[in-house]
Amino acid sequence: MNDIRWFAPNRFCTLPVARLQEAGLKIATEGDAPARLVLASDGASAIEAQRFAWRHRRPMLVYLWDLPPWQLDGGRPNSVIPFRGRILKVPRLWGGYPERNGYYSRLRYVARHAVDLWAPSANSQQVIGRYFDVAVKYVPFCFDTDRFNRAAGWRQRPGQSAPTVLSISRLVPYKNHAAVIRAAALLAPKPRVRIIGRGPEAGALRSLAASLGVKLQLDEGWQSEQEMIEAYLAASVVVCPSRFEGIGLTPLEGAAMGIPTIASDIPTHREFGAGHVELIPLDDDPLLASAIDRALQSNPVLAPEPRHPMPELTIEACAGRFLPRLLRLLQ
């Protein structure tokens, strides 16, 4: 029997698995074979993991990244009824969560009935505890340090035709990509802005850039891992102006590769980025423009370093945090 059946919506959420397997844990990431413990590594996997746990009568650990406050503020969860591994929402006439009320109501039920509940940041721990009224443990995750690491062999950037400001994330309002375009428009000459992501704001971002005379490269298509590395290396500066993050990967990846990196001054960026990225208050376009200008003038060259700049966020460190906790749950 496997020790753990690990449910994940993507490869990122399985980053520690290989190291945990090397430490002796038997972990399956697919299939219906029984396991001693079920782990849902994201809210998107929690319902499927709950059904597996019910079928095999096994305890479940939930690792929950974040809860966007604006999707729950001012509302209450719907009542839910568990039935044969399914979690059925009871319709509420009024007063429910503002957005995705069925999803968050079911997720709340799963979280409250898990054998343990973890969060990757202190901010997420606080927010999840407040909205779901449940005890949450702070267990930091990692980012893909096998790829984004100054010691991994990327030493010098390819030649750049023009200064480029890079922003990577979904094209939705709270990611605040428009701030990068507005800040770039305040500089002379105006740097090129490259945004990589998908979402409903693509048209609005293109219109904003055109109205401000900013050259925008908006890549909505799927990017391979190598293409993402090349995008970072071709950037003069990385900017993450988001209003909310559960962990905030883009600033960590940019800083780990030695690219000048700027991020919004929000709790998660302060927690993990302080000392590695420049933090700028939200909605201060002139200050963001000044930070971008300083980064463009610095023009550093990547150089090897004897250790990773954020050792506490490596995959190895994450597996080291997970292992003793998982072993306790498996006892």
C-alpha atoms as a PDB file:
ATOM      1  CA  MET A   1       0.000   0.000   0.000  1.00  0.00           C
ATOM      2  CA  ASN A   2       1.172   3.526  -0.755  1.00  0.00           C
ATOM      3  CA  ASP A   3       1.861   5.858   2.123  1.00  0.00           C
ATOM      4  CA  ILE A   4       0.277   8.869   0.424  1.00  0.00           C
ATOM      5  CA  ARG A   5      -2.055   9.500  -2.491  1.00  0.00           C
ATOM      6  CA  TRP A   6      -1.058  13.028  -3.540  1.00  0.00           C
ATOM      7  CA  PHE A   7      -3.674  15.033  -5.445  1.00  0.00           C
ATOM      8  CA  ALA A   8      -2.411  18.058  -7.382  1.00  0.00           C
ATOM      9  CA  PRO A   9      -3.787  20.292 -10.155  1.00  0.00           C
ATOM     10  CA  ASN A  10      -0.372  20.798 -11.787  1.00  0.00           C
ATOM     11  CA  ARG A  11       3.321  19.876 -11.630  1.00  0.00           C
ATOM     12  CA  PHE A  12       4.163  22.814  -9.395  1.00  0.00           C
ATOM     13  CA  CYS A  13       2.043  21.419  -6.567  1.00  0.00           C
ATOM     14  CA  THR A  14       4.048  18.168  -6.674  1.00  0.00           C
ATOM     15  CA  LEU A  15       7.525  19.735  -6.417  1.00  0.00           C
ATOM     16  CA  PRO A  16       8.483  18.065  -3.080  1.00  0.00           C
ATOM     17  CA  VAL A  17       7.218  14.612  -4.111  1.00  0.00           C
ATOM     18  CA  ALA A  18      10.463  13.295  -5.650  1.00  0.00           C
ATOM     19  CA  ARG A  19      12.515  14.366  -2.589  1.00  0.00           C
ATOM     20  CA  LEU A  20       9.980  12.776  -0.236  1.00  0.00           C
ATOM     21  CA  GLN A  21      10.120   9.576  -2.245  1.00  0.00           C
ATOM     22  CA  GLU A  22      13.907   9.618  -1.976  1.00  0.00           C
ATOM     23  CA  ALA A  23      13.438   9.874   1.800  1.00  0.00           C
ATOM     24  CA  GLY A  24      11.471   6.622   1.749  1.00  0.00           C
ATOM     25  CA  LEU A  25       7.810   7.621   1.419  1.00  0.00           C
ATOM     26  CA  LYS A  26       5.697   5.717  -1.092  1.00  0.00           C
ATOM     27  CA  ILE A  27       3.695   8.415  -2.900  1.00  0.00           C
ATOM     28  CA  ALA A  28       1.295   8.005  -5.819  1.00  0.00           C
ATOM     29  CA  THR A  29       0.143  11.029  -7.821  1.00  0.00           C
ATOM     30  CA  GLU A  30      -2.435   9.158  -9.901  1.00  0.00           C
ATOM     31  CA  GLY A  31      -4.595   6.065  -9.827  1.00  0.00           C
ATOM     32  CA  ASP A  32      -7.052   4.624  -7.321  1.00  0.00           C
ATOM     33  CA  ALA A  33      -4.770   2.288  -5.373  1.00  0.00           C
ATOM     34  CA  PRO A  34      -5.311   2.627  -1.600  1.00  0.00           C
ATOM     35  CA  ALA A  35      -2.996   4.785   0.499  1.00  0.00           C
ATOM     36  CA  ARG A  36      -2.628   5.371   4.218  1.00  0.00           C
ATOM     37  CA  LEU A  37      -3.023   9.158   3.883  1.00  0.00           C
ATOM     38  CA  VAL A  38      -4.644  11.393   1.271  1.00  0.00           C
ATOM     39  CA  LEU A  39      -3.094  14.794   0.515  1.00  0.00           C
ATOM     40  CA  ALA A  40      -4.895  17.524  -1.425  1.00  0.00           C
ATOM     41  CA  SER A  41      -2.222  20.019  -2.417  1.00  0.00           C
ATOM     42  CA  ASP A  42      -4.600  22.761  -3.554  1.00  0.00           C
ATOM     43  CA  GLY A  43      -8.234  23.735  -3.220  1.00  0.00           C
ATOM     44  CA  ALA A  44      -8.812  22.705  -6.831  1.00  0.00           C
ATOM     45  CA  SER A  45      -7.905  19.112  -5.871  1.00  0.00           C
ATOM     46  CA  ALA A  46      -9.715  18.984  -2.549  1.00  0.00           C
ATOM     47  CA  ILE A  47     -13.082  17.684  -3.726  1.00  0.00           C
ATOM     48  CA  GLU A  48     -11.563  14.864  -5.807  1.00  0.00           C
ATOM     49  CA  ALA A  49      -9.268  13.994  -2.902  1.00  0.00           C
ATOM     50  CA  GLN A  50     -12.232  13.964  -0.519  1.00  0.00           C
ATOM     51  CA  ARG A  51     -14.026  11.407  -2.695  1.00  0.00           C
ATOM     52  CA  PHE A  52     -10.923   9.209  -2.759  1.00  0.00           C
ATOM     53  CA  ALA A  53     -10.567   9.492   1.020  1.00  0.00           C
ATOM     54  CA  TRP A  54     -14.213   8.516   1.492  1.00  0.00           C
ATOM     55  CA  ARG A  55     -13.962   5.496  -0.822  1.00  0.00           C
ATOM     56  CA  HIS A  56     -10.905   4.152   0.968  1.00  0.00           C
ATOM     57  CA  ARG A  57     -11.849   5.372   4.453  1.00  0.00           C
ATOM     58  CA  ARG A  58      -8.554   7.216   4.884  1.00  0.00           C
ATOM     59  CA  PRO A  59      -7.642  10.501   6.648  1.00  0.00           C
ATOM     60  CA  MET A  60      -6.954  13.531   4.502  1.00  0.00           C
ATOM     61  CA  LEU A  61      -4.510  16.415   4.784  1.00  0.00           C
ATOM     62  CA  VAL A  62      -5.395  19.637   2.940  1.00  0.00           C
ATOM     63  CA  TYR A  63      -2.697  22.084   1.849  1.00  0.00           C
ATOM     64  CA  LEU A  64      -4.621  25.231   0.958  1.00  0.00           C
ATOM     65  CA  TRP A  65      -2.868  28.049  -0.863  1.00  0.00           C
ATOM     66  CA  ASP A  66      -5.127  31.016  -0.301  1.00  0.00           C
ATOM     67  CA  LEU A  67      -8.635  32.419  -0.078  1.00  0.00           C
ATOM     68  CA  PRO A  68      -9.188  35.647  -2.074  1.00  0.00           C
ATOM     69  CA  PRO A  69     -10.981  37.836   0.520  1.00  0.00           C
ATOM     70  CA  TRP A  70     -13.139  39.683  -2.009  1.00  0.00           C
ATOM     71  CA  GLN A  71     -14.751  36.369  -2.985  1.00  0.00           C
ATOM     72  CA  LEU A  72     -15.885  35.694   0.598  1.00  0.00           C
ATOM     73  CA  ASP A  73     -16.163  39.111   2.288  1.00  0.00           C
ATOM     74  CA  GLY A  74     -19.605  39.927   3.635  1.00  0.00           C
ATOM     75  CA  GLY A  75     -21.020  36.472   2.988  1.00  0.00           C
ATOM     76  CA  ARG A  76     -21.648  33.211   4.740  1.00  0.00           C
ATOM     77  CA  PRO A  77     -21.132  29.630   3.582  1.00  0.00           C
ATOM     78  CA  ASN A  78     -23.968  27.599   2.175  1.00  0.00           C
ATOM     79  CA  SER A  79     -25.009  24.564   4.153  1.00  0.00           C
ATOM     80  CA  VAL A  80     -23.642  21.352   2.678  1.00  0.00           C
ATOM     81  CA  ILE A  81     -24.659  17.708   2.949  1.00  0.00           C
ATOM     82  CA  PRO A  82     -22.095  14.895   2.589  1.00  0.00           C
ATOM     83  CA  PHE A  83     -23.482  11.958   0.619  1.00  0.00           C
ATOM     84  CA  ARG A  84     -21.460   8.941  -0.522  1.00  0.00           C
ATOM     85  CA  GLY A  85     -18.253  10.945  -0.796  1.00  0.00           C
ATOM     86  CA  ARG A  86     -19.933  13.859  -2.518  1.00  0.00           C
ATOM     87  CA  ILE A  87     -20.515  17.222  -0.858  1.00  0.00           C
ATOM     88  CA  LEU A  88     -23.847  18.708  -1.909  1.00  0.00           C
ATOM     89  CA  LYS A  89     -24.546  22.412  -1.556  1.00  0.00           C
ATOM     90  CA  VAL A  90     -27.879  23.511  -0.118  1.00  0.00           C
ATOM     91  CA  PRO A  91     -29.030  26.650  -2.006  1.00  0.00           C
ATOM     92  CA  ARG A  92     -29.073  29.878   0.018  1.00  0.00           C
ATOM     93  CA  LEU A  93     -31.557  32.569  -0.989  1.00  0.00           C
ATOM     94  CA  TRP A  94     -29.345  35.426   0.196  1.00  0.00           C
ATOM     95  CA  GLY A  95     -26.219  36.189   2.212  1.00  0.00           C
ATOM     96  CA  GLY A  96     -23.893  33.672   0.586  1.00  0.00           C
ATOM     97  CA  TYR A  97     -20.313  34.251  -0.422  1.00  0.00           C
ATOM     98  CA  PRO A  98     -20.095  36.971  -3.131  1.00  0.00           C
ATOM     99  CA  GLU A  99     -18.339  34.673  -5.628  1.00  0.00           C
ATOM    100  CA  ARG A 100     -18.164  30.911  -6.210  1.00  0.00           C
ATOM    101  CA  ASN A 101     -20.302  30.282  -3.135  1.00  0.00           C
ATOM    102  CA  GLY A 102     -20.746  26.577  -3.848  1.00  0.00           C
ATOM    103  CA  TYR A 103     -17.040  25.964  -4.372  1.00  0.00           C
ATOM    104  CA  TYR A 104     -15.950  27.768  -1.205  1.00  0.00           C
ATOM    105  CA  SER A 105     -18.740  26.259   0.868  1.00  0.00           C
ATOM    106  CA  ARG A 106     -17.663  22.737  -0.129  1.00  0.00           C
ATOM    107  CA  LEU A 107     -14.007  23.632   0.352  1.00  0.00           C
ATOM    108  CA  ARG A 108     -14.756  24.924   3.841  1.00  0.00           C
ATOM    109  CA  TYR A 109     -16.412  21.614   4.710  1.00  0.00           C
ATOM    110  CA  VAL A 110     -13.414  19.644   3.437  1.00  0.00           C
ATOM    111  CA  ALA A 111     -10.961  21.873   5.311  1.00  0.00           C
ATOM    112  CA  ARG A 112     -12.885  21.609   8.574  1.00  0.00           C
ATOM    113  CA  HIS A 113     -13.037  17.809   8.354  1.00  0.00           C
ATOM    114  CA  ALA A 114      -9.419  17.217   7.332  1.00  0.00           C
ATOM    115  CA  VAL A 115      -7.050  15.534   9.755  1.00  0.00           C
ATOM    116  CA  ASP A 116      -4.713  18.500   9.257  1.00  0.00           C
ATOM    117  CA  LEU A 117      -4.790  21.801   7.366  1.00  0.00           C
ATOM    118  CA  TRP A 118      -1.664  23.629   6.136  1.00  0.00           C
ATOM    119  CA  ALA A 119      -1.015  27.003   4.500  1.00  0.00           C
ATOM    120  CA  PRO A 120       2.139  28.178   2.664  1.00  0.00           C
ATOM    121  CA  SER A 121       2.356  31.701   4.106  1.00  0.00           C
ATOM    122  CA  ALA A 122       1.556  33.508   7.328  1.00  0.00           C
ATOM    123  CA  ASN A 123      -0.974  35.674   5.476  1.00  0.00           C
ATOM    124  CA  SER A 124      -2.769  32.636   4.029  1.00  0.00           C
ATOM    125  CA  GLN A 125      -2.753  30.993   7.450  1.00  0.00           C
ATOM    126  CA  GLN A 126      -4.490  34.028   8.936  1.00  0.00           C
ATOM    127  CA  VAL A 127      -7.015  34.477   6.120  1.00  0.00           C
ATOM    128  CA  ILE A 128      -7.991  30.792   5.933  1.00  0.00           C
ATOM    129  CA  GLY A 129      -8.340  30.577   9.698  1.00  0.00           C
ATOM    130  CA  ARG A 130     -10.550  33.660   9.773  1.00  0.00           C
ATOM    131  CA  TYR A 131     -12.920  32.746   6.944  1.00  0.00           C
ATOM    132  CA  PHE A 132     -13.167  29.018   7.579  1.00  0.00           C
ATOM    133  CA  ASP A 133     -12.982  29.255  11.388  1.00  0.00           C
ATOM    134  CA  VAL A 134     -10.518  26.402  11.632  1.00  0.00           C
ATOM    135  CA  ALA A 135      -6.989  25.829  12.940  1.00  0.00           C
ATOM    136  CA  VAL A 136      -4.341  26.175  10.218  1.00  0.00           C
ATOM    137  CA  LYS A 137      -0.654  25.271  10.424  1.00  0.00           C
ATOM    138  CA  TYR A 138       1.986  27.403   8.729  1.00  0.00           C
ATOM    139  CA  VAL A 139       4.104  25.161   6.495  1.00  0.00           C
ATOM    140  CA  PRO A 140       5.952  27.139   3.778  1.00  0.00           C
ATOM    141  CA  PHE A 141       6.172  25.595   0.326  1.00  0.00           C
ATOM    142  CA  CYS A 142       8.895  26.341  -2.250  1.00  0.00           C
ATOM    143  CA  PHE A 143       9.319  27.378  -5.843  1.00  0.00           C
ATOM    144  CA  ASP A 144      10.929  25.426  -8.648  1.00  0.00           C
ATOM    145  CA  THR A 145      14.538  25.931  -7.608  1.00  0.00           C
ATOM    146  CA  ASP A 146      15.621  23.148  -9.938  1.00  0.00           C
ATOM    147  CA  ARG A 147      14.871  25.626 -12.731  1.00  0.00           C
ATOM    148  CA  PHE A 148      15.064  29.116 -11.241  1.00  0.00           C
ATOM    149  CA  ASN A 149      18.431  29.101  -9.586  1.00  0.00           C
ATOM    150  CA  ARG A 150      21.527  31.182 -10.280  1.00  0.00           C
ATOM    151  CA  ALA A 151      23.623  28.103  -9.551  1.00  0.00           C
ATOM    152  CA  ALA A 152      21.842  26.029 -12.235  1.00  0.00           C
ATOM    153  CA  GLY A 153      23.976  27.149 -15.148  1.00  0.00           C
ATOM    154  CA  TRP A 154      22.448  30.403 -16.431  1.00  0.00           C
ATOM    155  CA  ARG A 155      25.333  32.830 -16.174  1.00  0.00           C
ATOM    156  CA  GLN A 156      24.780  35.615 -18.659  1.00  0.00           C
ATOM    157  CA  ARG A 157      21.787  37.087 -20.383  1.00  0.00           C
ATOM    158  CA  PRO A 158      21.307  36.974 -24.133  1.00  0.00           C
ATOM    159  CA  GLY A 159      21.726  40.254 -25.950  1.00  0.00           C
ATOM    160  CA  GLN A 160      18.800  42.648 -25.505  1.00  0.00           C
ATOM    161  CA  SER A 161      17.467  44.808 -28.314  1.00  0.00           C
ATOM    162  CA  ALA A 162      15.637  47.141 -25.920  1.00  0.00           C
ATOM    163  CA  PRO A 163      14.983  47.503 -22.195  1.00  0.00           C
ATOM    164  CA  THR A 164      12.183  45.100 -21.254  1.00  0.00           C
ATOM    165  CA  VAL A 165       9.926  45.051 -18.199  1.00  0.00           C
ATOM    166  CA  LEU A 166       8.500  41.582 -17.559  1.00  0.00           C
ATOM    167  CA  SER A 167       5.335  40.706 -15.636  1.00  0.00           C
ATOM    168  CA  ILE A 168       3.999  37.137 -15.403  1.00  0.00           C
ATOM    169  CA  SER A 169       0.617  36.107 -14.040  1.00  0.00           C
ATOM    170  CA  ARG A 170      -3.038  35.644 -14.900  1.00  0.00           C
ATOM    171  CA  LEU A 171      -4.712  38.546 -16.683  1.00  0.00           C
ATOM    172  CA  VAL A 172      -7.243  39.400 -13.995  1.00  0.00           C
ATOM    173  CA  PRO A 173      -7.807  42.685 -12.108  1.00  0.00           C
ATOM    174  CA  TYR A 174      -6.161  41.766  -8.803  1.00  0.00           C
ATOM    175  CA  LYS A 175      -2.890  40.904 -10.572  1.00  0.00           C
ATOM    176  CA  ASN A 176      -2.734  44.624 -11.402  1.00  0.00           C
ATOM    177  CA  HIS A 177      -0.757  44.377 -14.666  1.00  0.00           C
ATOM    178  CA  ALA A 178      -2.088  47.785 -15.699  1.00  0.00           C
ATOM    179  CA  ALA A 179       0.181  49.384 -13.080  1.00  0.00           C
ATOM    180  CA  VAL A 180       3.248  48.183 -14.999  1.00  0.00           C
ATOM    181  CA  ILE A 181       1.982  49.780 -18.219  1.00  0.00           C
ATOM    182  CA  ARG A 182       1.121  53.062 -16.479  1.00  0.00           C
ATOM    183  CA  ALA A 183       4.545  53.190 -14.803  1.00  0.00           C
ATOM    184  CA  ALA A 184       6.352  52.466 -18.067  1.00  0.00           C
ATOM    185  CA  ALA A 185       4.458  55.333 -19.698  1.00  0.00           C
ATOM    186  CA  LEU A 186       6.010  57.760 -17.188  1.00  0.00           C
ATOM    187  CA  LEU A 187       9.565  56.972 -18.302  1.00  0.00           C
ATOM    188  CA  ALA A 188      11.546  58.485 -21.152  1.00  0.00           C
ATOM    189  CA  PRO A 189      12.297  56.592 -23.225  1.00  0.00           C
ATOM    190  CA  LYS A 190       9.437  54.221 -22.518  1.00  0.00           C
ATOM    191  CA  PRO A 191      10.638  50.638 -22.006  1.00  0.00           C
ATOM    192  CA  ARG A 192       8.949  47.736 -23.691  1.00  0.00           C
ATOM    193  CA  VAL A 193       6.525  45.836 -21.443  1.00  0.00           C
ATOM    194  CA  ARG A 194       6.139  42.093 -21.803  1.00  0.00           C
ATOM    195  CA  ILE A 195       3.264  40.356 -20.018  1.00  0.00           C
ATOM    196  CA  ILE A 196       2.841  36.579 -19.981  1.00  0.00           C
ATOM    197  CA  GLY A 197      -0.502  35.207 -18.867  1.00  0.00           C
ATOM    198  CA  ARG A 198      -4.058  34.373 -19.771  1.00  0.00           C
ATOM    199  CA  GLY A 199      -7.330  35.922 -18.718  1.00  0.00           C
ATOM    200  CA  PRO A 200     -10.147  38.349 -19.476  1.00  0.00           C
ATOM    201  CA  GLU A 201      -8.070  41.530 -19.139  1.00  0.00           C
ATOM    202  CA  ALA A 202      -6.022  40.973 -22.319  1.00  0.00           C
ATOM    203  CA  GLY A 203      -8.052  43.393 -24.419  1.00  0.00           C
ATOM    204  CA  ALA A 204      -8.089  46.105 -21.754  1.00  0.00           C
ATOM    205  CA  LEU A 205      -4.320  45.860 -21.276  1.00  0.00           C
ATOM    206  CA  ARG A 206      -3.706  46.184 -25.011  1.00  0.00           C
ATOM    207  CA  SER A 207      -5.989  49.214 -25.181  1.00  0.00           C
ATOM    208  CA  LEU A 208      -4.279  50.855 -22.206  1.00  0.00           C
ATOM    209  CA  ALA A 209      -0.815  50.353 -23.691  1.00  0.00           C
ATOM    210  CA  ALA A 210      -1.915  51.766 -27.046  1.00  0.00           C
ATOM    211  CA  SER A 211      -3.476  54.834 -25.416  1.00  0.00           C
ATOM    212  CA  LEU A 212      -0.278  55.538 -23.417  1.00  0.00           C
ATOM    213  CA  GLY A 213       2.143  54.839 -26.242  1.00  0.00           C
ATOM    214  CA  VAL A 214       3.751  51.847 -24.512  1.00  0.00           C
ATOM    215  CA  LYS A 215       5.017  48.994 -26.649  1.00  0.00           C
ATOM    216  CA  LEU A 216       3.362  45.889 -25.230  1.00  0.00           C
ATOM    217  CA  GLN A 217       4.170  42.272 -25.967  1.00  0.00           C
ATOM    218  CA  LEU A 218       1.303  40.246 -24.533  1.00  0.00           C
ATOM    219  CA  ASP A 219       1.923  36.509 -24.689  1.00  0.00           C
ATOM    220  CA  GLU A 220      -1.346  34.685 -24.062  1.00  0.00           C
ATOM    221  CA  GLY A 221      -0.273  31.316 -25.415  1.00  0.00           C
ATOM    222  CA  TRP A 222       1.111  28.419 -23.407  1.00  0.00           C
ATOM    223  CA  GLN A 223       4.804  28.805 -22.601  1.00  0.00           C
ATOM    224  CA  SER A 224       7.153  25.859 -22.196  1.00  0.00           C
ATOM    225  CA  GLU A 225       9.481  25.710 -19.200  1.00  0.00           C
ATOM    226  CA  GLN A 226      12.435  26.648 -21.398  1.00  0.00           C
ATOM    227  CA  GLU A 227      10.520  29.556 -22.928  1.00  0.00           C
ATOM    228  CA  MET A 228       9.776  30.867 -19.435  1.00  0.00           C
ATOM    229  CA  ILE A 229      13.454  30.704 -18.522  1.00  0.00           C
ATOM    230  CA  GLU A 230      14.313  32.579 -21.711  1.00  0.00           C
ATOM    231  CA  ALA A 231      11.673  35.210 -20.942  1.00  0.00           C
ATOM    232  CA  TYR A 232      13.256  35.893 -17.563  1.00  0.00           C
ATOM    233  CA  LEU A 233      16.757  36.025 -19.002  1.00  0.00           C
ATOM    234  CA  ALA A 234      15.669  38.455 -21.714  1.00  0.00           C
ATOM    235  CA  ALA A 235      14.099  40.811 -19.146  1.00  0.00           C
ATOM    236  CA  SER A 236      15.814  43.915 -17.826  1.00  0.00           C
ATOM    237  CA  VAL A 237      13.575  43.979 -14.753  1.00  0.00           C
ATOM    238  CA  VAL A 238      10.792  41.763 -13.363  1.00  0.00           C
ATOM    239  CA  VAL A 239       7.749  43.430 -11.813  1.00  0.00           C
ATOM    240  CA  CYS A 240       4.948  41.801  -9.802  1.00  0.00           C
ATOM    241  CA  PRO A 241       2.375  44.502  -8.936  1.00  0.00           C
ATOM    242  CA  SER A 242      -0.271  42.092  -7.593  1.00  0.00           C
ATOM    243  CA  ARG A 243      -2.778  43.161  -4.944  1.00  0.00           C
ATOM    244  CA  PHE A 244      -3.024  39.668  -3.466  1.00  0.00           C
ATOM    245  CA  GLU A 245      -0.918  36.500  -3.489  1.00  0.00           C
ATOM    246  CA  GLY A 246      -0.912  33.223  -1.605  1.00  0.00           C
ATOM    247  CA  ILE A 247       2.843  32.791  -2.041  1.00  0.00           C
ATOM    248  CA  GLY A 248       3.850  34.969  -5.032  1.00  0.00           C
ATOM    249  CA  LEU A 249       6.083  33.002  -7.379  1.00  0.00           C
ATOM    250  CA  THR A 250       7.160  35.594  -9.946  1.00  0.00           C
ATOM    251  CA  PRO A 251       9.249  37.754  -7.566  1.00  0.00           C
ATOM    252  CA  LEU A 252      10.934  34.662  -6.119  1.00  0.00           C
ATOM    253  CA  GLU A 253      11.791  33.301  -9.554  1.00  0.00           C
ATOM    254  CA  GLY A 254      13.135  36.635 -10.792  1.00  0.00           C
ATOM    255  CA  ALA A 255      15.250  37.224  -7.704  1.00  0.00           C
ATOM    256  CA  ALA A 256      16.595  33.656  -7.731  1.00  0.00           C
ATOM    257  CA  MET A 257      17.872  34.197 -11.263  1.00  0.00           C
ATOM    258  CA  GLY A 258      19.552  37.468 -10.355  1.00  0.00           C
ATOM    259  CA  ILE A 259      17.164  39.695 -12.327  1.00  0.00           C
ATOM    260  CA  PRO A 260      16.354  43.068 -10.690  1.00  0.00           C
ATOM    261  CA  THR A 261      12.898  42.435  -9.249  1.00  0.00           C
ATOM    262  CA  ILE A 262      10.184  44.777  -7.983  1.00  0.00           C
ATOM    263  CA  ALA A 263       7.024  43.673  -6.169  1.00  0.00           C
ATOM    264  CA  SER A 264       4.014  45.287  -4.559  1.00  0.00           C
ATOM    265  CA  ASP A 265       4.294  45.824  -0.831  1.00  0.00           C
ATOM    266  CA  ILE A 266       1.697  43.261   0.257  1.00  0.00           C
ATOM    267  CA  PRO A 267       1.991  40.789   3.163  1.00  0.00           C
ATOM    268  CA  THR A 268       3.132  37.754   1.180  1.00  0.00           C
ATOM    269  CA  HIS A 269       5.750  39.679  -0.807  1.00  0.00           C
ATOM    270  CA  ARG A 270       7.068  41.152   2.445  1.00  0.00           C
ATOM    271  CA  GLU A 271       7.207  37.715   4.042  1.00  0.00           C
ATOM    272  CA  PHE A 272       9.244  36.029   1.315  1.00  0.00           C
ATOM    273  CA  GLY A 273      10.720  38.847  -0.749  1.00  0.00           C
ATOM    274  CA  ALA A 274      12.141  41.244   1.837  1.00  0.00           C
ATOM    275  CA  GLY A 275      15.852  41.621   1.201  1.00  0.00           C
ATOM    276  CA  HIS A 276      15.579  40.047  -2.253  1.00  0.00           C
ATOM    277  CA  VAL A 277      13.176  42.319  -4.136  1.00  0.00           C
ATOM    278  CA  GLU A 278      12.312  46.020  -3.990  1.00  0.00           C
ATOM    279  CA  LEU A 279       8.875  46.541  -2.446  1.00  0.00           C
ATOM    280  CA  ILE A 280       6.708  49.395  -3.719  1.00  0.00           C
ATOM    281  CA  PRO A 281       3.356  50.559  -2.260  1.00  0.00           C
ATOM    282  CA  LEU A 282       0.258  49.748  -4.275  1.00  0.00           C
ATOM    283  CA  ASP A 283      -1.183  52.429  -6.569  1.00  0.00           C
ATOM    284  CA  ASP A 284       1.934  54.619  -6.555  1.00  0.00           C
ATOM    285  CA  ASP A 285       2.727  54.745 -10.266  1.00  0.00           C
ATOM    286  CA  PRO A 286       5.490  57.412 -10.005  1.00  0.00           C
ATOM    287  CA  LEU A 287       7.303  55.416  -7.309  1.00  0.00           C
ATOM    288  CA  LEU A 288       6.992  52.232  -9.365  1.00  0.00           C
ATOM    289  CA  ALA A 289       8.313  54.087 -12.417  1.00  0.00           C
ATOM    290  CA  SER A 290      11.314  55.318 -10.416  1.00  0.00           C
ATOM    291  CA  ALA A 291      12.068  51.784  -9.222  1.00  0.00           C
ATOM    292  CA  ILE A 292      11.863  50.463 -12.780  1.00  0.00           C
ATOM    293  CA  ASP A 293      14.163  53.236 -13.984  1.00  0.00           C
ATOM    294  CA  ARG A 294      16.762  52.422 -11.325  1.00  0.00           C
ATOM    295  CA  ALA A 295      16.628  48.759 -12.276  1.00  0.00           C
ATOM    296  CA  LEU A 296      17.048  49.574 -15.963  1.00  0.00           C
ATOM    297  CA  GLN A 297      20.079  51.719 -15.185  1.00  0.00           C
ATOM    298  CA  SER A 298      21.728  49.033 -13.032  1.00  0.00           C
ATOM    299  CA  ASN A 299      21.951  46.459 -15.857  1.00  0.00           C
ATOM    300  CA  PRO A 300      23.590  43.679 -13.785  1.00  0.00           C
ATOM    301  CA  VAL A 301      25.092  40.548 -15.295  1.00  0.00           C
ATOM    302  CA  LEU A 302      24.243  37.161 -13.845  1.00  0.00           C
ATOM    303  CA  ALA A 303      27.097  35.511 -11.993  1.00  0.00           C
ATOM    304  CA  PRO A 304      27.500  32.216 -10.156  1.00  0.00           C
ATOM    305  CA  GLU A 305      26.918  32.137  -6.414  1.00  0.00           C
ATOM    306  CA  PRO A 306      27.979  29.474  -3.916  1.00  0.00           C
ATOM    307  CA  ARG A 307      24.456  29.006  -2.526  1.00  0.00           C
ATOM    308  CA  HIS A 308      20.866  29.657  -3.423  1.00  0.00           C
ATOM    309  CA  PRO A 309      19.810  33.203  -2.416  1.00  0.00           C
ATOM    310  CA  MET A 310      16.662  31.872  -0.665  1.00  0.00           C
ATOM    311  CA  PRO A 311      17.711  28.520   0.859  1.00  0.00           C
ATOM    312  CA  GLU A 312      14.565  28.288   2.984  1.00  0.00           C
ATOM    313  CA  LEU A 313      12.427  28.132  -0.175  1.00  0.00           C
ATOM    314  CA  THR A 314      14.268  25.425  -2.096  1.00  0.00           C
ATOM    315  CA  ILE A 315      12.548  22.144  -2.955  1.00  0.00           C
ATOM    316  CA  GLU A 316      14.902  20.337  -0.545  1.00  0.00           C
ATOM    317  CA  ALA A 317      13.984  22.669   2.307  1.00  0.00           C
ATOM    318  CA  CYS A 318      10.279  22.213   1.588  1.00  0.00           C
ATOM    319  CA  ALA A 319      10.593  18.419   1.615  1.00  0.00           C
ATOM    320  CA  GLY A 320      12.494  18.715   4.886  1.00  0.00           C
ATOM    321  CA  ARG A 321       9.563  20.606   6.406  1.00  0.00           C
ATOM    322  CA  PHE A 322       6.970  18.202   5.040  1.00  0.00           C
ATOM    323  CA  LEU A 323       8.664  14.922   5.964  1.00  0.00           C
ATOM    324  CA  PRO A 324       8.418  14.922   9.792  1.00  0.00           C
ATOM    325  CA  ARG A 325       4.883  16.273   9.664  1.00  0.00           C
ATOM    326  CA  LEU A 326       3.782  13.595   7.206  1.00  0.00           C
ATOM    327  CA  LEU A 327       5.470  10.854   9.227  1.00  0.00           C
ATOM    328  CA  ARG A 328       3.521  11.944  12.313  1.00  0.00           C
ATOM    329  CA  LEU A 329       0.259  11.750  10.377  1.00  0.00           C
ATOM    330  CA  LEU A 330       1.197   8.293   9.101  1.00  0.00           C
ATOM    331  CA  GLN A 331       1.815   6.874  12.574  1.00  0.00           C
END
